[in-house]
Amino acid sequence: MRALIAAATGLAVALALVLTVTALGSPTGSTSPKPLLTTVPAHP
């Protein structure tokens, strides 16, 4: 019985965390408009 209660508690906590993140929304920000500078080996 304890295992069932522990599973239900974990599920409730996980669901509450998901709902909290969903309510807050994604953080405001943007990606850099500049592409990452990478070095590419020269093709023969």
PDB file of N, CA and C in Angstrom:
ATOM      1  N   MET A   1       0.832  -1.203   0.000  1.00  0.00           N
ATOM      2  CA  MET A   1       0.000   0.000   0.000  1.00  0.00           C
ATOM      3  C   MET A   1       0.870   1.259   0.000  1.00  0.00           C
ATOM      4  N   ARG A   2       2.007   1.189   0.719  1.00  0.00           N
ATOM      5  CA  ARG A   2       2.894   2.348   0.743  1.00  0.00           C
ATOM      6  C   ARG A   2       3.426   2.680  -0.642  1.00  0.00           C
ATOM      7  N   ALA A   3       3.709   1.646  -1.423  1.00  0.00           N
ATOM      8  CA  ALA A   3       4.234   1.875  -2.768  1.00  0.00           C
ATOM      9  C   ALA A   3       3.200   2.600  -3.634  1.00  0.00           C
ATOM     10  N   LEU A   4       1.950   2.242  -3.478  1.00  0.00           N
ATOM     11  CA  LEU A   4       0.888   2.892  -4.249  1.00  0.00           C
ATOM     12  C   LEU A   4       0.753   4.360  -3.860  1.00  0.00           C
ATOM     13  N   ILE A   5       0.848   4.635  -2.576  1.00  0.00           N
ATOM     14  CA  ILE A   5       0.766   6.021  -2.102  1.00  0.00           C
ATOM     15  C   ILE A   5       1.969   6.815  -2.601  1.00  0.00           C
ATOM     16  N   ALA A   6       3.154   6.209  -2.563  1.00  0.00           N
ATOM     17  CA  ALA A   6       4.351   6.885  -3.039  1.00  0.00           C
ATOM     18  C   ALA A   6       4.259   7.172  -4.537  1.00  0.00           C
ATOM     19  N   ALA A   7       3.740   6.226  -5.297  1.00  0.00           N
ATOM     20  CA  ALA A   7       3.590   6.426  -6.740  1.00  0.00           C
ATOM     21  C   ALA A   7       2.593   7.542  -7.034  1.00  0.00           C
ATOM     22  N   ALA A   8       1.487   7.567  -6.313  1.00  0.00           N
ATOM     23  CA  ALA A   8       0.477   8.603  -6.517  1.00  0.00           C
ATOM     24  C   ALA A   8       1.025   9.975  -6.138  1.00  0.00           C
ATOM     25  N   THR A   9       1.808  10.015  -5.052  1.00  0.00           N
ATOM     26  CA  THR A   9       2.403  11.289  -4.633  1.00  0.00           C
ATOM     27  C   THR A   9       3.393  11.787  -5.679  1.00  0.00           C
ATOM     28  N   GLY A  10       4.230  10.899  -6.180  1.00  0.00           N
ATOM     29  CA  GLY A  10       5.195  11.285  -7.209  1.00  0.00           C
ATOM     30  C   GLY A  10       4.519  11.777  -8.466  1.00  0.00           C
ATOM     31  N   LEU A  11       3.448  11.099  -8.849  1.00  0.00           N
ATOM     32  CA  LEU A  11       2.708  11.515 -10.041  1.00  0.00           C
ATOM     33  C   LEU A  11       2.084  12.892  -9.841  1.00  0.00           C
ATOM     34  N   ALA A  12       1.550  13.140  -8.652  1.00  0.00           N
ATOM     35  CA  ALA A  12       0.937  14.436  -8.373  1.00  0.00           C
ATOM     36  C   ALA A  12       1.978  15.549  -8.386  1.00  0.00           C
ATOM     37  N   VAL A  13       3.146  15.280  -7.835  1.00  0.00           N
ATOM     38  CA  VAL A  13       4.214  16.289  -7.829  1.00  0.00           C
ATOM     39  C   VAL A  13       4.685  16.575  -9.250  1.00  0.00           C
ATOM     40  N   ALA A  14       4.845  15.526 -10.044  1.00  0.00           N
ATOM     41  CA  ALA A  14       5.277  15.714 -11.427  1.00  0.00           C
ATOM     42  C   ALA A  14       4.242  16.510 -12.215  1.00  0.00           C
ATOM     43  N   LEU A  15       2.980  16.203 -12.014  1.00  0.00           N
ATOM     44  CA  LEU A  15       1.917  16.923 -12.715  1.00  0.00           C
ATOM     45  C   LEU A  15       1.881  18.390 -12.288  1.00  0.00           C
ATOM     46  N   ALA A  16       2.069  18.648 -11.003  1.00  0.00           N
ATOM     47  CA  ALA A  16       2.082  20.025 -10.514  1.00  0.00           C
ATOM     48  C   ALA A  16       3.258  20.793 -11.106  1.00  0.00           C
ATOM     49  N   LEU A  17       4.406  20.125 -11.241  1.00  0.00           N
ATOM     50  CA  LEU A  17       5.580  20.782 -11.818  1.00  0.00           C
ATOM     51  C   LEU A  17       5.336  21.129 -13.282  1.00  0.00           C
ATOM     52  N   VAL A  18       4.737  20.205 -14.015  1.00  0.00           N
ATOM     53  CA  VAL A  18       4.433  20.461 -15.426  1.00  0.00           C
ATOM     54  C   VAL A  18       3.448  21.618 -15.562  1.00  0.00           C
ATOM     55  N   LEU A  19       2.423  21.635 -14.727  1.00  0.00           N
ATOM     56  CA  LEU A  19       1.438  22.716 -14.805  1.00  0.00           C
ATOM     57  C   LEU A  19       2.056  24.058 -14.427  1.00  0.00           C
ATOM     58  N   THR A  20       2.983  24.051 -13.468  1.00  0.00           N
ATOM     59  CA  THR A  20       3.643  25.295 -13.081  1.00  0.00           C
ATOM     60  C   THR A  20       4.495  25.838 -14.215  1.00  0.00           C
ATOM     61  N   VAL A  21       5.266  24.965 -14.844  1.00  0.00           N
ATOM     62  CA  VAL A  21       6.108  25.406 -15.964  1.00  0.00           C
ATOM     63  C   VAL A  21       5.244  25.896 -17.120  1.00  0.00           C
ATOM     64  N   THR A  22       4.147  25.218 -17.359  1.00  0.00           N
ATOM     65  CA  THR A  22       3.245  25.633 -18.438  1.00  0.00           C
ATOM     66  C   THR A  22       2.614  26.988 -18.136  1.00  0.00           C
ATOM     67  N   ALA A  23       2.251  27.218 -16.888  1.00  0.00           N
ATOM     68  CA  ALA A  23       1.621  28.486 -16.516  1.00  0.00           C
ATOM     69  C   ALA A  23       2.614  29.644 -16.626  1.00  0.00           C
ATOM     70  N   LEU A  24       3.864  29.388 -16.243  1.00  0.00           N
ATOM     71  CA  LEU A  24       4.873  30.454 -16.305  1.00  0.00           C
ATOM     72  C   LEU A  24       5.271  30.736 -17.743  1.00  0.00           C
ATOM     73  N   GLY A  25       5.210  29.763 -18.581  1.00  0.00           N
ATOM     74  CA  GLY A  25       5.580  29.948 -19.976  1.00  0.00           C
ATOM     75  C   GLY A  25       7.087  29.891 -20.142  1.00  0.00           C
ATOM     76  N   SER A  26       7.508  29.921 -21.376  1.00  0.00           N
ATOM     77  CA  SER A  26       8.940  29.868 -21.642  1.00  0.00           C
ATOM     78  C   SER A  26       9.565  31.217 -21.314  1.00  0.00           C
ATOM     79  N   PRO A  27      10.799  31.244 -20.878  1.00  0.00           N
ATOM     80  CA  PRO A  27      11.441  32.519 -20.543  1.00  0.00           C
ATOM     81  C   PRO A  27      11.579  33.401 -21.778  1.00  0.00           C
ATOM     82  N   THR A  28      11.412  34.680 -21.570  1.00  0.00           N
ATOM     83  CA  THR A  28      11.520  35.605 -22.691  1.00  0.00           C
ATOM     84  C   THR A  28      12.984  35.751 -23.071  1.00  0.00           C
ATOM     85  N   GLY A  29      13.248  35.565 -24.308  1.00  0.00           N
ATOM     86  CA  GLY A  29      14.620  35.662 -24.795  1.00  0.00           C
ATOM     87  C   GLY A  29      14.614  35.343 -26.270  1.00  0.00           C
ATOM     88  N   SER A  30      15.741  35.528 -26.858  1.00  0.00           N
ATOM     89  CA  SER A  30      15.832  35.223 -28.280  1.00  0.00           C
ATOM     90  C   SER A  30      17.184  34.612 -28.570  1.00  0.00           C
ATOM     91  N   THR A  31      17.229  33.907 -29.657  1.00  0.00           N
ATOM     92  CA  THR A  31      18.498  33.316 -30.051  1.00  0.00           C
ATOM     93  C   THR A  31      19.334  34.378 -30.743  1.00  0.00           C
ATOM     94  N   SER A  32      20.603  34.159 -30.749  1.00  0.00           N
ATOM     95  CA  SER A  32      21.509  35.123 -31.365  1.00  0.00           C
ATOM     96  C   SER A  32      21.294  35.144 -32.870  1.00  0.00           C
ATOM     97  N   PRO A  33      21.172  36.323 -33.460  1.00  0.00           N
ATOM     98  CA  PRO A  33      20.989  36.373 -34.913  1.00  0.00           C
ATOM     99  C   PRO A  33      22.251  35.974 -35.668  1.00  0.00           C
ATOM    100  N   LYS A  34      23.405  36.094 -35.016  1.00  0.00           N
ATOM    101  CA  LYS A  34      24.660  35.750 -35.680  1.00  0.00           C
ATOM    102  C   LYS A  34      24.879  34.242 -35.598  1.00  0.00           C
ATOM    103  N   PRO A  35      25.254  33.626 -36.705  1.00  0.00           N
ATOM    104  CA  PRO A  35      25.544  32.188 -36.654  1.00  0.00           C
ATOM    105  C   PRO A  35      26.848  31.937 -35.901  1.00  0.00           C
ATOM    106  N   LEU A  36      26.970  30.749 -35.376  1.00  0.00           N
ATOM    107  CA  LEU A  36      28.207  30.402 -34.682  1.00  0.00           C
ATOM    108  C   LEU A  36      29.337  30.322 -35.697  1.00  0.00           C
ATOM    109  N   LEU A  37      30.453  30.889 -35.326  1.00  0.00           N
ATOM    110  CA  LEU A  37      31.604  30.852 -36.217  1.00  0.00           C
ATOM    111  C   LEU A  37      32.318  29.524 -36.026  1.00  0.00           C
ATOM    112  N   THR A  38      32.295  28.730 -37.057  1.00  0.00           N
ATOM    113  CA  THR A  38      32.972  27.440 -36.992  1.00  0.00           C
ATOM    114  C   THR A  38      33.977  27.344 -38.116  1.00  0.00           C
ATOM    115  N   THR A  39      35.021  26.602 -37.870  1.00  0.00           N
ATOM    116  CA  THR A  39      36.031  26.430 -38.908  1.00  0.00           C
ATOM    117  C   THR A  39      35.743  25.142 -39.657  1.00  0.00           C
ATOM    118  N   VAL A  40      35.678  25.243 -40.955  1.00  0.00           N
ATOM    119  CA  VAL A  40      35.409  24.086 -41.792  1.00  0.00           C
ATOM    120  C   VAL A  40      36.676  23.776 -42.572  1.00  0.00           C
ATOM    121  N   PRO A  41      37.111  22.539 -42.588  1.00  0.00           N
ATOM    122  CA  PRO A  41      38.313  22.216 -43.360  1.00  0.00           C
ATOM    123  C   PRO A  41      38.111  22.496 -44.844  1.00  0.00           C
ATOM    124  N   ALA A  42      39.138  22.978 -45.473  1.00  0.00           N
ATOM    125  CA  ALA A  42      39.049  23.335 -46.894  1.00  0.00           C
ATOM    126  C   ALA A  42      38.878  22.082 -47.733  1.00  0.00           C
ATOM    127  N   HIS A  43      37.977  22.164 -48.685  1.00  0.00           N
ATOM    128  CA  HIS A  43      37.746  21.016 -49.568  1.00  0.00           C
ATOM    129  C   HIS A  43      38.779  21.032 -50.681  1.00  0.00           C
ATOM    130  N   PRO A  44      39.309  19.896 -51.025  1.00  0.00           N
ATOM    131  CA  PRO A  44      40.322  19.854 -52.105  1.00  0.00           C
ATOM    132  C   PRO A  44      39.694  20.110 -53.470  1.00  0.00           C
TER     133      PRO A  44
END
